[in-house]
Amino acid sequence: MKIKEVRDLGVDELKQKNSELVEELFRLRLRHASEKVESTAILSSLRKDIARIKTVLKEKEAAN
């Protein structure tokens, strides 16, 4: 997910997307611990997406 895509989303959409990504990261971590995951790079990309979303959320909340 690109930062431009994240900035185009509204606050409610960002919060929803954040919770979805956190849940997906949790499931991937469990699967990684119990069995083989196709690509471990997905874990780092999810963490980075979550960080991008949190950054934009902070910016939008500070602007209000």
N, C-alpha and C. Protein backbone atom coordinates (compact mmCIF):
# COMPACT_ATOMS: atom_id res chain seq x y z
N MET A 1 0.85 -1.17 0.00
CA MET A 1 0.00 0.00 0.00
C MET A 1 0.90 1.24 0.00
N LYS A 2 0.65 2.10 -0.93
CA LYS A 2 1.44 3.33 -1.07
C LYS A 2 0.91 4.40 -0.13
N ILE A 3 1.78 5.34 0.22
CA ILE A 3 1.40 6.41 1.14
C ILE A 3 0.32 7.30 0.53
N LYS A 4 0.35 7.47 -0.79
CA LYS A 4 -0.68 8.28 -1.46
C LYS A 4 -2.05 7.65 -1.29
N GLU A 5 -2.11 6.32 -1.39
CA GLU A 5 -3.38 5.62 -1.20
C GLU A 5 -3.87 5.79 0.24
N VAL A 6 -2.96 5.77 1.18
CA VAL A 6 -3.32 5.90 2.59
C VAL A 6 -3.84 7.31 2.86
N ARG A 7 -3.18 8.32 2.31
CA ARG A 7 -3.58 9.70 2.55
C ARG A 7 -4.96 10.02 1.95
N ASP A 8 -5.36 9.29 0.92
CA ASP A 8 -6.66 9.52 0.29
C ASP A 8 -7.83 8.98 1.11
N LEU A 9 -7.55 8.09 2.06
CA LEU A 9 -8.60 7.49 2.86
C LEU A 9 -9.03 8.45 3.98
N GLY A 10 -10.27 8.29 4.42
CA GLY A 10 -10.77 9.08 5.54
C GLY A 10 -10.33 8.48 6.87
N VAL A 11 -10.61 9.18 7.94
CA VAL A 11 -10.18 8.74 9.27
C VAL A 11 -10.84 7.41 9.64
N ASP A 12 -12.14 7.30 9.40
CA ASP A 12 -12.85 6.05 9.73
C ASP A 12 -12.32 4.88 8.91
N GLU A 13 -12.07 5.13 7.62
CA GLU A 13 -11.53 4.08 6.76
C GLU A 13 -10.14 3.67 7.22
N LEU A 14 -9.34 4.64 7.66
CA LEU A 14 -7.99 4.33 8.15
C LEU A 14 -8.04 3.47 9.40
N LYS A 15 -8.94 3.80 10.31
CA LYS A 15 -9.07 3.01 11.53
C LYS A 15 -9.52 1.59 11.22
N GLN A 16 -10.44 1.45 10.29
CA GLN A 16 -10.93 0.13 9.90
C GLN A 16 -9.81 -0.66 9.22
N LYS A 17 -9.09 -0.02 8.32
CA LYS A 17 -8.00 -0.69 7.61
C LYS A 17 -6.90 -1.10 8.59
N ASN A 18 -6.63 -0.25 9.57
CA ASN A 18 -5.61 -0.55 10.58
C ASN A 18 -5.99 -1.81 11.36
N SER A 19 -7.24 -1.88 11.80
CA SER A 19 -7.66 -3.05 12.58
C SER A 19 -7.62 -4.32 11.73
N GLU A 20 -7.96 -4.21 10.44
CA GLU A 20 -7.89 -5.37 9.55
C GLU A 20 -6.45 -5.85 9.39
N LEU A 21 -5.53 -4.91 9.19
CA LEU A 21 -4.13 -5.27 9.00
C LEU A 21 -3.51 -5.86 10.26
N VAL A 22 -3.87 -5.31 11.42
CA VAL A 22 -3.35 -5.84 12.68
C VAL A 22 -3.83 -7.28 12.88
N GLU A 23 -5.10 -7.53 12.57
CA GLU A 23 -5.65 -8.87 12.69
C GLU A 23 -4.97 -9.83 11.70
N GLU A 24 -4.75 -9.38 10.49
CA GLU A 24 -4.09 -10.20 9.49
C GLU A 24 -2.64 -10.51 9.90
N LEU A 25 -1.95 -9.51 10.44
CA LEU A 25 -0.58 -9.72 10.92
C LEU A 25 -0.55 -10.75 12.05
N PHE A 26 -1.52 -10.68 12.95
CA PHE A 26 -1.61 -11.65 14.04
C PHE A 26 -1.78 -13.07 13.50
N ARG A 27 -2.70 -13.22 12.53
CA ARG A 27 -2.92 -14.55 11.96
C ARG A 27 -1.68 -15.07 11.24
N LEU A 28 -0.98 -14.18 10.54
CA LEU A 28 0.23 -14.60 9.84
C LEU A 28 1.33 -15.00 10.82
N ARG A 29 1.44 -14.27 11.91
CA ARG A 29 2.45 -14.62 12.92
C ARG A 29 2.16 -15.99 13.53
N LEU A 30 0.89 -16.27 13.80
CA LEU A 30 0.53 -17.59 14.33
C LEU A 30 0.85 -18.68 13.33
N ARG A 31 0.51 -18.43 12.08
CA ARG A 31 0.78 -19.43 11.04
C ARG A 31 2.28 -19.62 10.85
N HIS A 32 3.04 -18.54 10.95
CA HIS A 32 4.49 -18.61 10.80
C HIS A 32 5.11 -19.43 11.93
N ALA A 33 4.55 -19.32 13.13
CA ALA A 33 5.08 -20.05 14.27
C ALA A 33 4.73 -21.54 14.19
N SER A 34 3.57 -21.86 13.64
CA SER A 34 3.12 -23.24 13.65
C SER A 34 3.45 -24.01 12.37
N GLU A 35 3.55 -23.31 11.28
CA GLU A 35 3.83 -23.98 10.00
C GLU A 35 4.62 -23.05 9.10
N LYS A 36 4.88 -23.54 7.93
CA LYS A 36 5.67 -22.77 6.99
C LYS A 36 4.80 -21.73 6.27
N VAL A 37 5.30 -20.52 6.16
CA VAL A 37 4.63 -19.45 5.43
C VAL A 37 5.34 -19.29 4.10
N GLU A 38 4.58 -19.05 3.03
CA GLU A 38 5.15 -18.95 1.69
C GLU A 38 6.26 -17.91 1.64
N SER A 39 5.96 -16.73 2.15
CA SER A 39 6.92 -15.63 2.09
C SER A 39 6.90 -14.86 3.41
N THR A 40 8.03 -14.78 4.05
CA THR A 40 8.09 -14.04 5.31
C THR A 40 8.16 -12.53 5.07
N ALA A 41 8.38 -12.13 3.83
CA ALA A 41 8.41 -10.70 3.50
C ALA A 41 7.04 -10.06 3.70
N ILE A 42 6.00 -10.86 3.67
CA ILE A 42 4.65 -10.34 3.89
C ILE A 42 4.54 -9.75 5.29
N LEU A 43 5.20 -10.38 6.25
CA LEU A 43 5.15 -9.89 7.63
C LEU A 43 5.70 -8.47 7.72
N SER A 44 6.84 -8.24 7.11
CA SER A 44 7.44 -6.90 7.20
C SER A 44 6.64 -5.87 6.42
N SER A 45 6.08 -6.27 5.28
CA SER A 45 5.27 -5.31 4.52
C SER A 45 3.99 -4.94 5.27
N LEU A 46 3.41 -5.89 5.99
CA LEU A 46 2.23 -5.58 6.80
C LEU A 46 2.58 -4.63 7.93
N ARG A 47 3.70 -4.86 8.59
CA ARG A 47 4.13 -3.95 9.66
C ARG A 47 4.34 -2.54 9.13
N LYS A 48 4.94 -2.43 7.95
CA LYS A 48 5.17 -1.12 7.36
C LYS A 48 3.87 -0.44 6.98
N ASP A 49 2.91 -1.21 6.46
CA ASP A 49 1.60 -0.64 6.12
C ASP A 49 0.89 -0.12 7.36
N ILE A 50 0.98 -0.89 8.45
CA ILE A 50 0.37 -0.46 9.71
C ILE A 50 1.01 0.83 10.19
N ALA A 51 2.32 0.93 10.08
CA ALA A 51 3.03 2.14 10.50
C ALA A 51 2.62 3.34 9.64
N ARG A 52 2.47 3.13 8.35
CA ARG A 52 2.03 4.22 7.46
C ARG A 52 0.66 4.72 7.87
N ILE A 53 -0.24 3.78 8.12
CA ILE A 53 -1.60 4.15 8.50
C ILE A 53 -1.62 4.91 9.81
N LYS A 54 -0.85 4.44 10.79
CA LYS A 54 -0.80 5.13 12.08
C LYS A 54 -0.22 6.53 11.95
N THR A 55 0.78 6.68 11.09
CA THR A 55 1.38 8.00 10.87
C THR A 55 0.37 8.97 10.28
N VAL A 56 -0.35 8.53 9.27
CA VAL A 56 -1.34 9.40 8.63
C VAL A 56 -2.48 9.71 9.59
N LEU A 57 -2.87 8.73 10.40
CA LEU A 57 -3.92 8.98 11.40
C LEU A 57 -3.49 10.07 12.39
N LYS A 58 -2.25 10.00 12.86
CA LYS A 58 -1.74 11.02 13.77
C LYS A 58 -1.72 12.39 13.11
N GLU A 59 -1.31 12.43 11.84
CA GLU A 59 -1.28 13.71 11.11
C GLU A 59 -2.68 14.30 10.99
N LYS A 60 -3.65 13.46 10.64
CA LYS A 60 -5.02 13.95 10.46
C LYS A 60 -5.64 14.37 11.78
N GLU A 61 -5.33 13.65 12.86
CA GLU A 61 -5.87 14.03 14.16
C GLU A 61 -5.22 15.32 14.67
N ALA A 62 -3.95 15.53 14.35
CA ALA A 62 -3.26 16.75 14.76
C ALA A 62 -3.78 17.94 13.97
N ALA A 63 -4.21 17.72 12.73
CA ALA A 63 -4.71 18.80 11.89
C ALA A 63 -6.07 19.30 12.39
N ASN A 64 -6.81 18.43 13.06
CA ASN A 64 -8.15 18.83 13.54
C ASN A 64 -8.10 19.50 14.83
